Amino acid sequence: MHLLCCTLQNECVYTLYVQTGSVIKAGTDSKISVNMGDSTGNSVWISNLRNWGIMGPDHDYFERGNSDIFTGLGPCIESPICRLNVTSDGSGAHHGWFCDQIEVTSTGPHKGCSKSIFYVYRWLATDAPPYELSAFLDGCKDWGNWKTGPYVVRKPIGYDSE
């Protein structure tokens, strides 16, 4: 019991709210991973986001128009979470995925709650522009201007289209 107590003191709870777009063929059966980070370079990697799913055993994640919820424990990093890399492994018959947005909340022992919203708004696919399976959003250089409320990151790096 003592080991469990001490291990959990260094762990935070992360909850991700993932919105799949409503455009035709927006859903996917591919494995989705997420790496989220802070302004000091620390990060939390989730190798298979579906494993963190809390929508029930028969829920079909990442489907067109869905809002899916995922939660799990990971090492505590600084707030706000200002960097996000979301990646599809491109597997399955329907590998393309249109990720609309990802909202991340975090909290832990002796830490306040933090919320960050990442407007991904792009395809993760090899057959649709920008023909990439990852989206990297980095708002860490701007986080010094953040005062209160959710921290918002608007556009993937290298993605010029609105």
N, C-alpha and C. Protein backbone atom coordinates (compact mmCIF):
# COMPACT_ATOMS: atom_id res chain seq x y z
N MET A 1 0.81 -1.19 0.00
CA MET A 1 0.00 0.00 0.00
C MET A 1 0.86 1.26 0.00
N HIS A 2 1.93 1.25 0.72
CA HIS A 2 2.81 2.42 0.79
C HIS A 2 3.38 2.75 -0.59
N LEU A 3 3.79 1.76 -1.36
CA LEU A 3 4.34 1.99 -2.69
C LEU A 3 3.29 2.60 -3.61
N LEU A 4 2.06 2.12 -3.55
CA LEU A 4 0.98 2.66 -4.37
C LEU A 4 0.74 4.13 -4.02
N CYS A 5 0.76 4.44 -2.75
CA CYS A 5 0.56 5.81 -2.29
C CYS A 5 1.60 6.74 -2.88
N CYS A 6 2.85 6.33 -2.80
CA CYS A 6 3.94 7.20 -3.24
C CYS A 6 4.00 7.30 -4.76
N THR A 7 3.66 6.24 -5.46
CA THR A 7 3.64 6.28 -6.91
C THR A 7 2.58 7.25 -7.40
N LEU A 8 1.38 7.20 -6.81
CA LEU A 8 0.28 8.05 -7.24
C LEU A 8 0.54 9.53 -6.96
N GLN A 9 1.41 9.85 -6.01
CA GLN A 9 1.71 11.24 -5.72
C GLN A 9 2.39 11.93 -6.89
N ASN A 10 3.05 11.19 -7.75
CA ASN A 10 3.75 11.75 -8.90
C ASN A 10 2.95 11.60 -10.18
N GLU A 11 1.70 11.12 -10.08
CA GLU A 11 0.88 10.89 -11.26
C GLU A 11 -0.26 11.91 -11.31
N CYS A 12 -0.59 12.29 -12.51
CA CYS A 12 -1.72 13.19 -12.73
C CYS A 12 -2.78 12.47 -13.54
N VAL A 13 -4.00 12.98 -13.45
CA VAL A 13 -5.11 12.45 -14.23
C VAL A 13 -5.27 13.34 -15.46
N TYR A 14 -5.28 12.72 -16.62
CA TYR A 14 -5.47 13.42 -17.89
C TYR A 14 -6.77 12.92 -18.51
N THR A 15 -7.59 13.85 -18.95
CA THR A 15 -8.82 13.51 -19.66
C THR A 15 -8.79 14.23 -20.99
N LEU A 16 -9.03 13.47 -22.06
CA LEU A 16 -9.04 14.03 -23.41
C LEU A 16 -10.44 13.87 -24.00
N TYR A 17 -10.95 14.95 -24.53
CA TYR A 17 -12.24 14.97 -25.23
C TYR A 17 -11.91 15.17 -26.70
N VAL A 18 -12.15 14.15 -27.50
CA VAL A 18 -11.75 14.17 -28.90
C VAL A 18 -12.98 14.28 -29.78
N GLN A 19 -12.98 15.30 -30.64
CA GLN A 19 -14.10 15.52 -31.56
C GLN A 19 -13.65 15.16 -32.98
N THR A 20 -14.30 14.14 -33.55
CA THR A 20 -14.07 13.78 -34.95
C THR A 20 -14.97 14.65 -35.82
N GLY A 21 -14.44 15.07 -36.96
CA GLY A 21 -15.21 15.91 -37.87
C GLY A 21 -16.45 15.23 -38.39
N SER A 22 -17.34 16.02 -38.97
CA SER A 22 -18.60 15.48 -39.49
C SER A 22 -18.60 15.36 -41.01
N VAL A 23 -17.46 15.60 -41.65
CA VAL A 23 -17.38 15.46 -43.11
C VAL A 23 -17.44 13.98 -43.49
N ILE A 24 -17.81 13.70 -44.72
CA ILE A 24 -17.90 12.33 -45.21
C ILE A 24 -16.55 11.63 -45.03
N LYS A 25 -16.57 10.39 -44.57
CA LYS A 25 -15.39 9.54 -44.34
C LYS A 25 -14.45 10.07 -43.26
N ALA A 26 -14.96 10.88 -42.34
CA ALA A 26 -14.11 11.47 -41.29
C ALA A 26 -13.64 10.44 -40.26
N GLY A 27 -14.39 9.36 -40.06
CA GLY A 27 -14.05 8.37 -39.03
C GLY A 27 -12.93 7.45 -39.44
N THR A 28 -12.34 6.79 -38.46
CA THR A 28 -11.23 5.87 -38.72
C THR A 28 -11.26 4.67 -37.78
N ASP A 29 -10.62 3.60 -38.23
CA ASP A 29 -10.38 2.42 -37.39
C ASP A 29 -8.91 2.30 -37.03
N SER A 30 -8.10 3.27 -37.44
CA SER A 30 -6.66 3.24 -37.17
C SER A 30 -6.37 3.45 -35.68
N LYS A 31 -5.16 3.08 -35.28
CA LYS A 31 -4.69 3.32 -33.92
C LYS A 31 -4.23 4.78 -33.84
N ILE A 32 -4.72 5.50 -32.85
CA ILE A 32 -4.39 6.90 -32.65
C ILE A 32 -3.52 7.03 -31.40
N SER A 33 -2.40 7.74 -31.53
CA SER A 33 -1.55 8.02 -30.38
C SER A 33 -1.46 9.53 -30.17
N VAL A 34 -1.15 9.91 -28.95
CA VAL A 34 -1.07 11.33 -28.59
C VAL A 34 0.15 11.55 -27.72
N ASN A 35 0.89 12.60 -28.02
CA ASN A 35 1.98 13.05 -27.16
C ASN A 35 1.67 14.50 -26.80
N MET A 36 1.51 14.77 -25.51
CA MET A 36 1.20 16.14 -25.09
C MET A 36 2.30 16.63 -24.18
N GLY A 37 2.62 17.93 -24.31
CA GLY A 37 3.76 18.44 -23.57
C GLY A 37 3.55 19.83 -23.00
N ASP A 38 4.52 20.22 -22.17
CA ASP A 38 4.48 21.53 -21.52
C ASP A 38 5.61 22.41 -22.06
N SER A 39 5.71 23.62 -21.52
CA SER A 39 6.69 24.58 -22.02
C SER A 39 8.12 24.26 -21.61
N THR A 40 8.31 23.32 -20.68
CA THR A 40 9.66 22.95 -20.25
C THR A 40 10.21 21.75 -21.01
N GLY A 41 9.42 21.19 -21.92
CA GLY A 41 9.87 20.05 -22.71
C GLY A 41 9.44 18.70 -22.17
N ASN A 42 8.76 18.67 -21.04
CA ASN A 42 8.25 17.40 -20.51
C ASN A 42 7.00 16.99 -21.28
N SER A 43 6.77 15.68 -21.35
CA SER A 43 5.61 15.22 -22.12
C SER A 43 5.03 13.94 -21.55
N VAL A 44 3.80 13.67 -21.97
CA VAL A 44 3.09 12.43 -21.64
C VAL A 44 2.70 11.80 -22.96
N TRP A 45 3.09 10.54 -23.16
CA TRP A 45 2.79 9.83 -24.40
C TRP A 45 1.74 8.77 -24.13
N ILE A 46 0.72 8.76 -24.96
CA ILE A 46 -0.33 7.74 -24.92
C ILE A 46 -0.21 6.96 -26.22
N SER A 47 0.29 5.75 -26.15
CA SER A 47 0.61 4.99 -27.37
C SER A 47 -0.63 4.51 -28.11
N ASN A 48 -1.73 4.28 -27.40
CA ASN A 48 -2.98 3.86 -28.04
C ASN A 48 -4.12 4.52 -27.27
N LEU A 49 -4.61 5.62 -27.80
CA LEU A 49 -5.63 6.40 -27.10
C LEU A 49 -6.88 5.58 -26.79
N ARG A 50 -7.22 4.66 -27.66
CA ARG A 50 -8.42 3.82 -27.47
C ARG A 50 -8.36 3.09 -26.12
N ASN A 51 -7.15 2.73 -25.66
CA ASN A 51 -7.00 2.03 -24.38
C ASN A 51 -7.40 2.90 -23.19
N TRP A 52 -7.44 4.20 -23.36
CA TRP A 52 -7.86 5.13 -22.32
C TRP A 52 -9.36 5.42 -22.41
N GLY A 53 -10.05 4.84 -23.38
CA GLY A 53 -11.46 5.14 -23.61
C GLY A 53 -12.35 4.75 -22.45
N ILE A 54 -13.34 5.61 -22.17
CA ILE A 54 -14.27 5.34 -21.06
C ILE A 54 -15.72 5.29 -21.54
N MET A 55 -15.93 5.11 -22.83
CA MET A 55 -17.28 5.16 -23.40
C MET A 55 -17.97 3.80 -23.42
N GLY A 56 -17.33 2.78 -22.87
CA GLY A 56 -17.94 1.46 -22.84
C GLY A 56 -17.26 0.50 -23.80
N PRO A 57 -17.36 -0.81 -23.52
CA PRO A 57 -16.62 -1.81 -24.30
C PRO A 57 -17.08 -1.94 -25.75
N ASP A 58 -18.30 -1.58 -26.05
CA ASP A 58 -18.81 -1.72 -27.41
C ASP A 58 -18.80 -0.41 -28.19
N HIS A 59 -18.26 0.64 -27.61
CA HIS A 59 -18.26 1.94 -28.28
C HIS A 59 -17.26 1.93 -29.45
N ASP A 60 -17.63 2.53 -30.55
CA ASP A 60 -16.77 2.63 -31.73
C ASP A 60 -16.16 4.03 -31.75
N TYR A 61 -14.91 4.13 -31.32
CA TYR A 61 -14.22 5.41 -31.20
C TYR A 61 -13.83 5.98 -32.56
N PHE A 62 -13.65 7.29 -32.59
CA PHE A 62 -13.14 8.04 -33.75
C PHE A 62 -14.05 7.93 -34.97
N GLU A 63 -15.35 7.86 -34.74
CA GLU A 63 -16.29 7.80 -35.86
C GLU A 63 -16.83 9.19 -36.19
N ARG A 64 -17.28 9.34 -37.40
CA ARG A 64 -17.76 10.62 -37.93
C ARG A 64 -18.75 11.29 -36.96
N GLY A 65 -18.43 12.54 -36.60
CA GLY A 65 -19.29 13.33 -35.73
C GLY A 65 -19.22 12.99 -34.25
N ASN A 66 -18.43 11.99 -33.87
CA ASN A 66 -18.34 11.56 -32.47
C ASN A 66 -17.57 12.54 -31.60
N SER A 67 -18.00 12.62 -30.35
CA SER A 67 -17.21 13.21 -29.27
C SER A 67 -16.88 12.06 -28.34
N ASP A 68 -15.61 11.72 -28.26
CA ASP A 68 -15.16 10.57 -27.46
C ASP A 68 -14.37 11.07 -26.26
N ILE A 69 -14.46 10.32 -25.15
CA ILE A 69 -13.79 10.71 -23.92
C ILE A 69 -12.79 9.62 -23.52
N PHE A 70 -11.59 10.07 -23.14
CA PHE A 70 -10.51 9.17 -22.75
C PHE A 70 -9.90 9.72 -21.46
N THR A 71 -9.54 8.84 -20.54
CA THR A 71 -8.90 9.31 -19.32
C THR A 71 -7.91 8.27 -18.81
N GLY A 72 -6.85 8.76 -18.16
CA GLY A 72 -5.84 7.87 -17.63
C GLY A 72 -4.84 8.63 -16.78
N LEU A 73 -3.93 7.88 -16.19
CA LEU A 73 -2.87 8.44 -15.35
C LEU A 73 -1.57 8.53 -16.13
N GLY A 74 -0.81 9.56 -15.84
CA GLY A 74 0.51 9.71 -16.43
C GLY A 74 1.36 10.60 -15.54
N PRO A 75 2.64 10.72 -15.85
CA PRO A 75 3.50 11.57 -15.04
C PRO A 75 3.01 13.02 -15.09
N CYS A 76 3.09 13.70 -13.96
CA CYS A 76 2.66 15.10 -13.92
C CYS A 76 3.65 15.97 -14.69
N ILE A 77 3.11 16.85 -15.52
CA ILE A 77 3.91 17.85 -16.22
C ILE A 77 3.32 19.21 -15.89
N GLU A 78 4.01 20.27 -16.28
CA GLU A 78 3.57 21.62 -15.95
C GLU A 78 2.29 21.99 -16.69
N SER A 79 1.58 22.96 -16.14
CA SER A 79 0.38 23.50 -16.78
C SER A 79 0.71 24.87 -17.36
N PRO A 80 0.07 25.25 -18.43
CA PRO A 80 -0.88 24.45 -19.20
C PRO A 80 -0.17 23.51 -20.16
N ILE A 81 -0.87 22.49 -20.60
CA ILE A 81 -0.36 21.65 -21.68
C ILE A 81 -0.47 22.51 -22.94
N CYS A 82 0.66 22.77 -23.58
CA CYS A 82 0.68 23.72 -24.70
C CYS A 82 1.17 23.10 -26.00
N ARG A 83 1.47 21.82 -25.99
CA ARG A 83 1.99 21.15 -27.19
C ARG A 83 1.26 19.82 -27.34
N LEU A 84 0.87 19.51 -28.58
CA LEU A 84 0.16 18.26 -28.84
C LEU A 84 0.60 17.70 -30.19
N ASN A 85 0.91 16.42 -30.19
CA ASN A 85 1.19 15.70 -31.43
C ASN A 85 0.23 14.53 -31.46
N VAL A 86 -0.68 14.53 -32.43
CA VAL A 86 -1.64 13.44 -32.58
C VAL A 86 -1.29 12.70 -33.87
N THR A 87 -1.22 11.35 -33.78
CA THR A 87 -0.75 10.54 -34.90
C THR A 87 -1.66 9.34 -35.12
N SER A 88 -1.92 9.07 -36.38
CA SER A 88 -2.62 7.85 -36.79
C SER A 88 -1.58 6.88 -37.33
N ASP A 89 -1.76 5.58 -37.04
CA ASP A 89 -0.81 4.61 -37.60
C ASP A 89 -1.18 4.24 -39.04
N GLY A 90 -2.29 4.75 -39.55
CA GLY A 90 -2.67 4.51 -40.95
C GLY A 90 -3.17 3.12 -41.23
N SER A 91 -3.50 2.35 -40.21
CA SER A 91 -3.93 0.97 -40.41
C SER A 91 -5.43 0.89 -40.64
N GLY A 92 -5.86 -0.24 -41.12
CA GLY A 92 -7.29 -0.50 -41.28
C GLY A 92 -7.81 -0.09 -42.64
N ALA A 93 -9.00 -0.56 -42.92
CA ALA A 93 -9.63 -0.28 -44.21
C ALA A 93 -9.99 1.20 -44.34
N HIS A 94 -10.29 1.84 -43.24
CA HIS A 94 -10.66 3.26 -43.25
C HIS A 94 -9.62 4.02 -42.43
N HIS A 95 -8.46 4.26 -43.03
CA HIS A 95 -7.36 4.83 -42.25
C HIS A 95 -7.46 6.35 -42.10
N GLY A 96 -8.07 7.05 -43.03
CA GLY A 96 -8.15 8.50 -42.95
C GLY A 96 -9.02 8.94 -41.79
N TRP A 97 -8.61 10.01 -41.11
CA TRP A 97 -9.36 10.52 -39.97
C TRP A 97 -9.32 12.04 -40.00
N PHE A 98 -10.48 12.66 -39.87
CA PHE A 98 -10.54 14.12 -39.76
C PHE A 98 -10.74 14.47 -38.29
N CYS A 99 -9.67 14.94 -37.67
CA CYS A 99 -9.71 15.34 -36.27
C CYS A 99 -10.09 16.81 -36.19
N ASP A 100 -11.20 17.08 -35.56
CA ASP A 100 -11.69 18.45 -35.43
C ASP A 100 -10.96 19.18 -34.29
N GLN A 101 -11.05 18.63 -33.08
CA GLN A 101 -10.37 19.26 -31.95
C GLN A 101 -10.15 18.26 -30.83
N ILE A 102 -9.19 18.59 -29.97
CA ILE A 102 -8.90 17.79 -28.79
C ILE A 102 -8.79 18.74 -27.60
N GLU A 103 -9.59 18.46 -26.59
CA GLU A 103 -9.55 19.22 -25.35
C GLU A 103 -8.89 18.33 -24.30
N VAL A 104 -7.92 18.89 -23.59
CA VAL A 104 -7.19 18.13 -22.57
C VAL A 104 -7.37 18.81 -21.22
N THR A 105 -7.79 18.05 -20.22
CA THR A 105 -7.80 18.56 -18.85
C THR A 105 -6.82 17.73 -18.04
N SER A 106 -6.22 18.37 -17.04
CA SER A 106 -5.28 17.64 -16.19
C SER A 106 -5.37 18.17 -14.76
N THR A 107 -5.10 17.28 -13.83
CA THR A 107 -5.02 17.65 -12.43
C THR A 107 -4.22 16.56 -11.70
N GLY A 108 -3.73 16.91 -10.55
CA GLY A 108 -2.97 15.95 -9.77
C GLY A 108 -2.83 16.43 -8.34
N PRO A 109 -2.14 15.64 -7.52
CA PRO A 109 -1.96 16.01 -6.12
C PRO A 109 -1.29 17.38 -5.98
N HIS A 110 -1.90 18.25 -5.22
CA HIS A 110 -1.37 19.59 -4.95
C HIS A 110 -1.22 20.42 -6.22
N LYS A 111 -2.05 20.13 -7.22
CA LYS A 111 -2.04 20.89 -8.47
C LYS A 111 -3.45 21.36 -8.75
N GLY A 112 -3.56 22.49 -9.38
CA GLY A 112 -4.87 22.96 -9.82
C GLY A 112 -5.28 22.23 -11.09
N CYS A 113 -6.50 22.48 -11.51
CA CYS A 113 -6.98 21.90 -12.77
C CYS A 113 -6.52 22.79 -13.92
N SER A 114 -6.26 22.17 -15.05
CA SER A 114 -5.83 22.89 -16.24
C SER A 114 -6.61 22.37 -17.43
N LYS A 115 -6.97 23.28 -18.34
CA LYS A 115 -7.66 22.87 -19.56
C LYS A 115 -6.98 23.53 -20.76
N SER A 116 -6.70 22.72 -21.78
CA SER A 116 -6.16 23.21 -23.05
C SER A 116 -7.02 22.69 -24.18
N ILE A 117 -7.25 23.54 -25.17
CA ILE A 117 -8.04 23.15 -26.34
C ILE A 117 -7.17 23.30 -27.57
N PHE A 118 -7.06 22.21 -28.33
CA PHE A 118 -6.26 22.19 -29.55
C PHE A 118 -7.20 22.04 -30.74
N TYR A 119 -7.26 23.07 -31.58
CA TYR A 119 -8.09 23.03 -32.79
C TYR A 119 -7.25 22.42 -33.91
N VAL A 120 -7.34 21.12 -34.06
CA VAL A 120 -6.55 20.39 -35.05
C VAL A 120 -7.10 20.67 -36.45
N TYR A 121 -8.36 20.45 -36.65
CA TYR A 121 -9.12 20.72 -37.86
C TYR A 121 -8.37 20.35 -39.14
N ARG A 122 -8.04 19.05 -39.27
CA ARG A 122 -7.36 18.57 -40.47
C ARG A 122 -7.45 17.07 -40.57
N TRP A 123 -7.13 16.58 -41.77
CA TRP A 123 -7.06 15.15 -42.04
C TRP A 123 -5.74 14.59 -41.55
N LEU A 124 -5.79 13.40 -40.97
CA LEU A 124 -4.62 12.58 -40.73
C LEU A 124 -4.80 11.40 -41.67
N ALA A 125 -4.20 11.51 -42.85
CA ALA A 125 -4.44 10.54 -43.92
C ALA A 125 -3.35 10.67 -44.97
N THR A 126 -3.14 9.59 -45.71
CA THR A 126 -2.19 9.64 -46.82
C THR A 126 -2.88 9.93 -48.14
N ASP A 127 -4.22 9.95 -48.14
CA ASP A 127 -4.95 10.17 -49.39
C ASP A 127 -5.77 11.47 -49.38
N ALA A 128 -5.50 12.36 -48.43
CA ALA A 128 -6.17 13.66 -48.37
C ALA A 128 -5.17 14.70 -47.86
N PRO A 129 -5.25 15.94 -48.38
CA PRO A 129 -4.30 16.97 -47.94
C PRO A 129 -4.37 17.17 -46.43
N PRO A 130 -3.27 17.36 -45.76
CA PRO A 130 -1.92 17.60 -46.26
C PRO A 130 -1.10 16.32 -46.46
N TYR A 131 -1.75 15.16 -46.56
CA TYR A 131 -1.10 13.87 -46.85
C TYR A 131 -0.10 13.47 -45.76
N GLU A 132 -0.48 13.68 -44.52
CA GLU A 132 0.36 13.32 -43.38
C GLU A 132 -0.48 12.60 -42.34
N LEU A 133 0.15 11.72 -41.57
CA LEU A 133 -0.54 10.95 -40.55
C LEU A 133 -0.40 11.56 -39.15
N SER A 134 0.26 12.71 -39.06
CA SER A 134 0.44 13.39 -37.77
C SER A 134 0.09 14.86 -37.89
N ALA A 135 -0.36 15.41 -36.79
CA ALA A 135 -0.56 16.86 -36.67
C ALA A 135 0.14 17.31 -35.40
N PHE A 136 0.96 18.34 -35.52
CA PHE A 136 1.72 18.86 -34.39
C PHE A 136 1.29 20.30 -34.14
N LEU A 137 0.74 20.55 -32.98
CA LEU A 137 0.32 21.89 -32.59
C LEU A 137 1.17 22.33 -31.41
N ASP A 138 1.84 23.48 -31.56
CA ASP A 138 2.74 23.96 -30.52
C ASP A 138 2.41 25.40 -30.18
N GLY A 139 1.80 25.60 -29.04
CA GLY A 139 1.49 26.94 -28.56
C GLY A 139 2.36 27.34 -27.39
N CYS A 140 3.44 26.60 -27.15
CA CYS A 140 4.25 26.85 -25.96
C CYS A 140 4.95 28.20 -25.99
N LYS A 141 5.30 28.69 -27.17
CA LYS A 141 5.97 29.98 -27.22
C LYS A 141 5.04 31.13 -26.82
N ASP A 142 3.73 30.90 -26.92
CA ASP A 142 2.75 31.93 -26.59
C ASP A 142 2.16 31.79 -25.20
N TRP A 143 2.52 30.74 -24.46
CA TRP A 143 1.83 30.47 -23.21
C TRP A 143 2.07 31.55 -22.16
N GLY A 144 3.12 32.34 -22.29
CA GLY A 144 3.38 33.42 -21.34
C GLY A 144 2.27 34.47 -21.32
N ASN A 145 1.50 34.55 -22.41
CA ASN A 145 0.40 35.50 -22.50
C ASN A 145 -0.88 34.96 -21.86
N TRP A 146 -0.86 33.69 -21.48
CA TRP A 146 -2.05 33.04 -20.92
C TRP A 146 -2.26 33.50 -19.49
N LYS A 147 -3.46 33.91 -19.19
CA LYS A 147 -3.77 34.39 -17.84
C LYS A 147 -4.67 33.42 -17.08
N THR A 148 -5.81 33.09 -17.66
CA THR A 148 -6.78 32.24 -16.99
C THR A 148 -7.70 31.62 -18.03
N GLY A 149 -8.48 30.65 -17.60
CA GLY A 149 -9.38 29.97 -18.53
C GLY A 149 -8.65 28.92 -19.33
N PRO A 150 -9.33 28.35 -20.33
CA PRO A 150 -8.67 27.31 -21.12
C PRO A 150 -7.55 27.90 -21.99
N TYR A 151 -6.49 27.15 -22.14
CA TYR A 151 -5.40 27.53 -23.03
C TYR A 151 -5.74 27.01 -24.42
N VAL A 152 -5.73 27.88 -25.43
CA VAL A 152 -6.20 27.52 -26.76
C VAL A 152 -5.05 27.56 -27.76
N VAL A 153 -4.91 26.47 -28.54
CA VAL A 153 -3.93 26.39 -29.61
C VAL A 153 -4.71 26.17 -30.90
N ARG A 154 -4.46 26.98 -31.92
CA ARG A 154 -5.35 27.04 -33.06
C ARG A 154 -4.99 26.24 -34.29
N LYS A 155 -3.75 26.06 -34.66
CA LYS A 155 -3.48 25.51 -35.97
C LYS A 155 -2.24 24.62 -35.96
N PRO A 156 -2.27 23.50 -36.69
CA PRO A 156 -1.08 22.65 -36.77
C PRO A 156 0.08 23.37 -37.44
N ILE A 157 1.28 23.06 -37.01
CA ILE A 157 2.48 23.61 -37.63
C ILE A 157 2.58 23.11 -39.07
N GLY A 158 2.87 24.03 -39.99
CA GLY A 158 3.05 23.66 -41.39
C GLY A 158 1.75 23.46 -42.13
N TYR A 159 0.63 23.86 -41.54
CA TYR A 159 -0.67 23.68 -42.19
C TYR A 159 -1.24 25.05 -42.48
N ASP A 160 -1.25 25.45 -43.75
CA ASP A 160 -1.64 26.81 -44.12
C ASP A 160 -3.11 26.96 -44.42
N SER A 161 -3.80 25.88 -44.70
CA SER A 161 -5.20 25.96 -45.09
C SER A 161 -6.08 26.24 -43.89
N GLU A 162 -7.11 27.00 -44.09
CA GLU A 162 -8.12 27.22 -43.06
C GLU A 162 -9.10 26.13 -43.22
